[in-house]
């Protein structure tokens, strides 16, 4: 019963996102929620049921929708229809290829001049690769890795301090950010089907930026509470030792 309640909330939120329709956000939400449930101690056999049902439902939605199916088939070989269904991905790959090692320079991207659709939001990574090259891409990915790793470290420290809820909240932030980066970069490089997901902290859009900064603020709060709990524990230990000292 305790497992069904959060899954029902996840399914309800995912259904609302699918009605928009926003397939990518619904997938990230479900994956993040199931990951947090796994960290919270849900048994694998209980987790497999909604996982299998969720994958089956998402697959059915993708296959029964013509535009989603077109996205799934076109990303495998975008050059076969480079001026229609594969246009966005081919332009993204051209931008990434033009960057080479060091890029063409800040502001010197050609693909963002209305050649690459959504160059300021979903495909900002391709423009970044074109202007800063392989070296710039590696630096940005390392920074995202550091951010996600720090979130998971805060989650671990909160768990050790006995803050179970705060620990799972910090883990959710880390998983959520990591999944968004993984999907966005994978889409830009042609490793995943095209999805309308932003790159956190880099893509244009006030809503995405505000939500991301709000969650980072929550993460900082968890870190603050963890440190405060640790200082309180140290103070209690010192007081007890001073009392028992002869």
Protein backbone atom coordinates (compact mmCIF):
# COMPACT_ATOMS: atom_id res chain seq x y z
CA UNK A 1 0.00 0.00 0.00
CA UNK A 2 2.85 2.37 0.79
CA UNK A 3 4.32 1.73 -2.65
CA UNK A 4 1.07 2.25 -4.58
CA UNK A 5 0.47 5.78 -3.25
CA UNK A 6 3.59 7.48 -4.71
CA UNK A 7 3.26 5.49 -7.94
CA UNK A 8 -0.33 6.76 -8.31
CA UNK A 9 0.89 10.34 -7.89
CA UNK A 10 3.59 9.78 -10.51
CA UNK A 11 1.14 8.25 -12.97
CA UNK A 12 -1.31 11.14 -12.49
CA UNK A 13 1.39 13.77 -13.08
CA UNK A 14 2.73 11.88 -16.11
CA UNK A 15 -0.79 11.63 -17.56
CA UNK A 16 -1.21 15.41 -17.30
CA UNK A 17 2.12 15.93 -19.07
CA UNK A 18 1.11 13.51 -21.84
CA UNK A 19 -2.10 15.47 -22.40
CA UNK A 20 -0.09 18.60 -23.27
CA UNK A 21 1.53 16.55 -25.00
CA UNK A 22 5.03 16.37 -23.47
CA UNK A 23 6.35 12.83 -23.87
CA UNK A 24 9.92 13.67 -22.88
CA UNK A 25 9.07 15.39 -19.58
CA UNK A 26 6.71 12.54 -18.63
CA UNK A 27 9.48 10.00 -19.23
CA UNK A 28 12.01 11.95 -17.13
CA UNK A 29 9.44 12.37 -14.34
CA UNK A 30 8.63 8.66 -14.19
CA UNK A 31 12.30 7.65 -14.33
CA UNK A 32 13.21 10.09 -11.54
CA UNK A 33 10.31 8.95 -9.36
CA UNK A 34 11.12 5.25 -9.77
CA UNK A 35 14.80 5.93 -9.05
CA UNK A 36 13.90 7.70 -5.79
CA UNK A 37 11.57 4.84 -4.81
CA UNK A 38 14.42 2.41 -5.42
CA UNK A 39 16.74 4.47 -3.20
CA UNK A 40 14.00 4.61 -0.56
CA UNK A 41 14.12 0.83 -0.24
CA UNK A 42 11.37 -0.49 -2.51
CA UNK A 43 11.81 -4.15 -3.32
CA UNK A 44 12.99 -4.97 -6.83
CA UNK A 45 10.05 -7.29 -7.51
CA UNK A 46 7.60 -4.53 -6.58
CA UNK A 47 9.48 -2.01 -8.71
CA UNK A 48 9.49 -4.24 -11.78
CA UNK A 49 5.70 -4.14 -12.15
CA UNK A 50 5.27 -0.35 -12.70
CA UNK A 51 8.57 -0.30 -14.63
CA UNK A 52 7.39 -2.90 -17.15
CA UNK A 53 3.91 -1.34 -17.37
CA UNK A 54 5.41 2.14 -17.81
CA UNK A 55 7.77 1.04 -20.57
CA UNK A 56 4.92 -0.81 -22.32
CA UNK A 57 2.63 2.23 -22.08
CA UNK A 58 5.29 4.63 -23.36
CA UNK A 59 6.10 2.26 -26.23
CA UNK A 60 2.42 2.00 -27.15
CA UNK A 61 2.06 5.79 -27.12
CA UNK A 62 5.13 6.18 -29.31
CA UNK A 63 4.04 3.55 -31.85
CA UNK A 64 0.41 4.66 -32.10
CA UNK A 65 1.28 8.34 -32.66
CA UNK A 66 2.44 9.13 -36.18
CA UNK A 67 4.72 12.06 -35.33
CA UNK A 68 6.34 10.20 -32.40
CA UNK A 69 6.90 7.14 -34.60
CA UNK A 70 8.44 9.38 -37.27
CA UNK A 71 10.86 10.74 -34.67
CA UNK A 72 11.79 7.22 -33.57
CA UNK A 73 12.55 6.09 -37.11
CA UNK A 74 14.18 9.24 -38.47
CA UNK A 75 16.88 9.59 -35.80
CA UNK A 76 18.44 6.25 -36.81
CA UNK A 77 19.34 7.61 -40.26
CA UNK A 78 18.51 11.33 -40.51
CA UNK A 79 20.49 11.69 -43.74
CA UNK A 80 17.93 9.52 -45.55
CA UNK A 81 15.49 12.46 -45.37
CA UNK A 82 17.81 15.34 -44.57
CA UNK A 83 15.40 18.07 -45.70
CA UNK A 84 12.25 16.85 -43.92
CA UNK A 85 12.04 14.52 -40.91
CA UNK A 86 15.80 14.42 -40.40
CA UNK A 87 16.46 18.13 -40.99
CA UNK A 88 16.85 19.19 -37.36
CA UNK A 89 19.20 16.35 -36.44
CA UNK A 90 21.35 16.71 -39.55
CA UNK A 91 21.80 20.43 -38.87
CA UNK A 92 22.72 19.60 -35.28
CA UNK A 93 25.33 17.08 -36.40
CA UNK A 94 26.74 19.62 -38.87
CA UNK A 95 27.08 22.15 -36.02
CA UNK A 96 28.83 19.62 -33.78
CA UNK A 97 31.16 18.59 -36.62
CA UNK A 98 32.10 22.19 -37.43
CA UNK A 99 33.31 22.71 -33.87
CA UNK A 100 36.17 20.21 -34.22
CA UNK A 101 38.64 20.52 -31.31
CA UNK A 102 38.52 24.19 -30.26
CA UNK A 103 35.40 25.50 -32.00
CA UNK A 104 34.82 28.45 -34.29
CA UNK A 105 34.73 30.97 -31.45
CA UNK A 106 32.13 32.54 -29.17
CA UNK A 107 29.29 34.05 -31.22
CA UNK A 108 30.65 32.74 -34.54
CA UNK A 109 28.20 29.86 -34.99
CA UNK A 110 26.67 29.67 -38.46
CA UNK A 111 24.07 27.00 -37.68
CA UNK A 112 22.26 29.20 -35.17
CA UNK A 113 21.49 31.71 -37.93
CA UNK A 114 18.13 30.03 -38.64
CA UNK A 115 19.69 26.87 -40.10
CA UNK A 116 19.29 24.82 -36.91
CA UNK A 117 15.71 24.93 -35.54
CA UNK A 118 15.38 25.61 -31.80
CA UNK A 119 19.08 26.48 -31.54
CA UNK A 120 18.44 28.53 -28.40
CA UNK A 121 16.50 25.87 -26.45
CA UNK A 122 16.48 22.15 -27.27
CA UNK A 123 19.60 22.25 -29.46
CA UNK A 124 21.73 24.77 -27.61
CA UNK A 125 24.28 22.00 -26.97
CA UNK A 126 24.98 21.74 -30.72
CA UNK A 127 25.68 25.48 -30.89
CA UNK A 128 27.91 25.20 -27.83
CA UNK A 129 29.84 22.38 -29.54
CA UNK A 130 30.19 24.46 -32.72
CA UNK A 131 31.51 27.54 -30.92
CA UNK A 132 33.70 25.88 -28.25
CA UNK A 133 34.56 22.56 -29.86
CA UNK A 134 35.33 19.25 -28.23
CA UNK A 135 37.32 20.86 -25.42
CA UNK A 136 34.43 23.16 -24.47
CA UNK A 137 31.94 20.29 -24.57
CA UNK A 138 34.10 18.19 -22.25
CA UNK A 139 34.40 21.08 -19.78
CA UNK A 140 30.62 21.65 -19.75
CA UNK A 141 29.89 17.93 -19.29
CA UNK A 142 32.43 17.75 -16.46
CA UNK A 143 30.69 20.68 -14.75
CA UNK A 144 27.32 18.93 -15.04
CA UNK A 145 28.91 15.73 -13.69
CA UNK A 146 30.29 17.70 -10.75
CA UNK A 147 26.85 19.20 -10.05
CA UNK A 148 25.07 15.84 -10.16
CA UNK A 149 27.81 14.20 -8.10
CA UNK A 150 27.58 16.96 -5.50
CA UNK A 151 23.81 16.48 -5.24
CA UNK A 152 24.26 12.75 -4.65
CA UNK A 153 27.01 13.45 -2.08
CA UNK A 154 24.65 15.79 -0.21
CA UNK A 155 22.03 13.04 -0.32
CA UNK A 156 24.49 10.55 1.19
CA UNK A 157 25.55 12.96 3.93
CA UNK A 158 21.91 13.72 4.81
CA UNK A 159 21.19 9.99 5.10
CA UNK A 160 24.15 9.56 7.44
CA UNK A 161 22.82 12.45 9.55
CA UNK A 162 19.47 10.70 9.89
CA UNK A 163 17.58 13.06 7.55
CA UNK A 164 15.79 10.49 5.41
CA UNK A 165 13.37 12.83 3.62
CA UNK A 166 16.05 15.41 2.87
CA UNK A 167 18.35 12.66 1.59
CA UNK A 168 15.78 11.39 -0.92
CA UNK A 169 14.94 14.96 -1.97
CA UNK A 170 18.59 15.71 -2.75
CA UNK A 171 18.90 12.43 -4.64
CA UNK A 172 15.81 13.32 -6.68
CA UNK A 173 17.37 16.65 -7.69
CA UNK A 174 20.58 14.91 -8.77
CA UNK A 175 18.81 12.21 -10.78
CA UNK A 176 16.44 14.75 -12.36
CA UNK A 177 19.29 17.01 -13.51
CA UNK A 178 21.38 14.09 -14.72
CA UNK A 179 18.55 12.63 -16.78
CA UNK A 180 17.81 15.97 -18.43
CA UNK A 181 21.45 16.43 -19.42
CA UNK A 182 21.70 12.83 -20.67
CA UNK A 183 18.58 13.09 -22.82
CA UNK A 184 19.37 16.56 -24.21
CA UNK A 185 22.96 15.70 -25.15
CA UNK A 186 21.90 12.32 -26.54
CA UNK A 187 19.27 13.97 -28.74
CA UNK A 188 21.72 16.60 -30.01
CA UNK A 189 24.23 13.91 -30.95
CA UNK A 190 21.69 11.61 -32.59
CA UNK A 191 21.96 8.90 -29.92
CA UNK A 192 18.32 9.30 -28.80
CA UNK A 193 15.07 10.21 -30.60
CA UNK A 194 14.31 13.93 -30.75
CA UNK A 195 12.63 15.16 -27.53
CA UNK A 196 11.75 18.66 -26.42
CA UNK A 197 13.89 18.79 -23.27
CA UNK A 198 16.02 21.75 -22.29
CA UNK A 199 19.63 21.66 -21.15
CA UNK A 200 19.54 22.82 -17.51
CA UNK A 201 21.02 26.27 -16.83
CA UNK A 202 21.98 26.76 -20.50
CA UNK A 203 18.83 26.61 -22.62
CA UNK A 204 16.78 29.77 -23.13
CA UNK A 205 13.52 29.87 -21.19
CA UNK A 206 12.44 31.55 -17.98
CA UNK A 207 10.35 28.66 -16.65
CA UNK A 208 13.15 26.12 -17.00
CA UNK A 209 15.70 28.44 -15.41
CA UNK A 210 13.43 29.37 -12.48
CA UNK A 211 12.52 25.76 -11.70
CA UNK A 212 16.15 24.61 -11.94
CA UNK A 213 17.39 27.42 -9.67
CA UNK A 214 14.56 26.71 -7.21
CA UNK A 215 15.58 23.07 -6.95
CA UNK A 216 19.22 24.04 -6.52
CA UNK A 217 18.07 26.29 -3.66
CA UNK A 218 16.32 23.28 -2.09
CA UNK A 219 19.55 21.33 -2.51
CA UNK A 220 21.50 24.05 -0.69
CA UNK A 221 18.90 23.98 2.09
CA UNK A 222 19.37 20.22 2.51
CA UNK A 223 23.13 20.78 2.74
CA UNK A 224 22.57 23.49 5.35
CA UNK A 225 20.29 21.29 7.47
CA UNK A 226 22.75 18.39 7.22
CA UNK A 227 25.59 20.59 8.48
CA UNK A 228 23.40 21.99 11.27
CA UNK A 229 22.46 18.47 12.36
CA UNK A 230 26.11 17.45 12.36
CA UNK A 231 27.11 20.45 14.46
CA UNK A 232 24.31 19.69 16.94
CA UNK A 233 25.47 16.09 17.25
CA UNK A 234 29.05 17.20 17.88
CA UNK A 235 27.88 19.70 20.51
CA UNK A 236 25.83 17.02 22.30
CA UNK A 237 28.79 14.67 22.28
CA UNK A 238 31.06 17.34 23.73
CA UNK A 239 28.56 18.20 26.46
CA UNK A 240 28.10 14.57 27.44
CA UNK A 241 31.84 13.96 27.53
CA UNK A 242 32.38 17.05 29.73
CA UNK A 243 29.74 15.83 32.16
CA UNK A 244 31.22 12.35 32.48
CA UNK A 245 34.81 13.63 32.69
CA UNK A 246 36.13 13.31 36.29
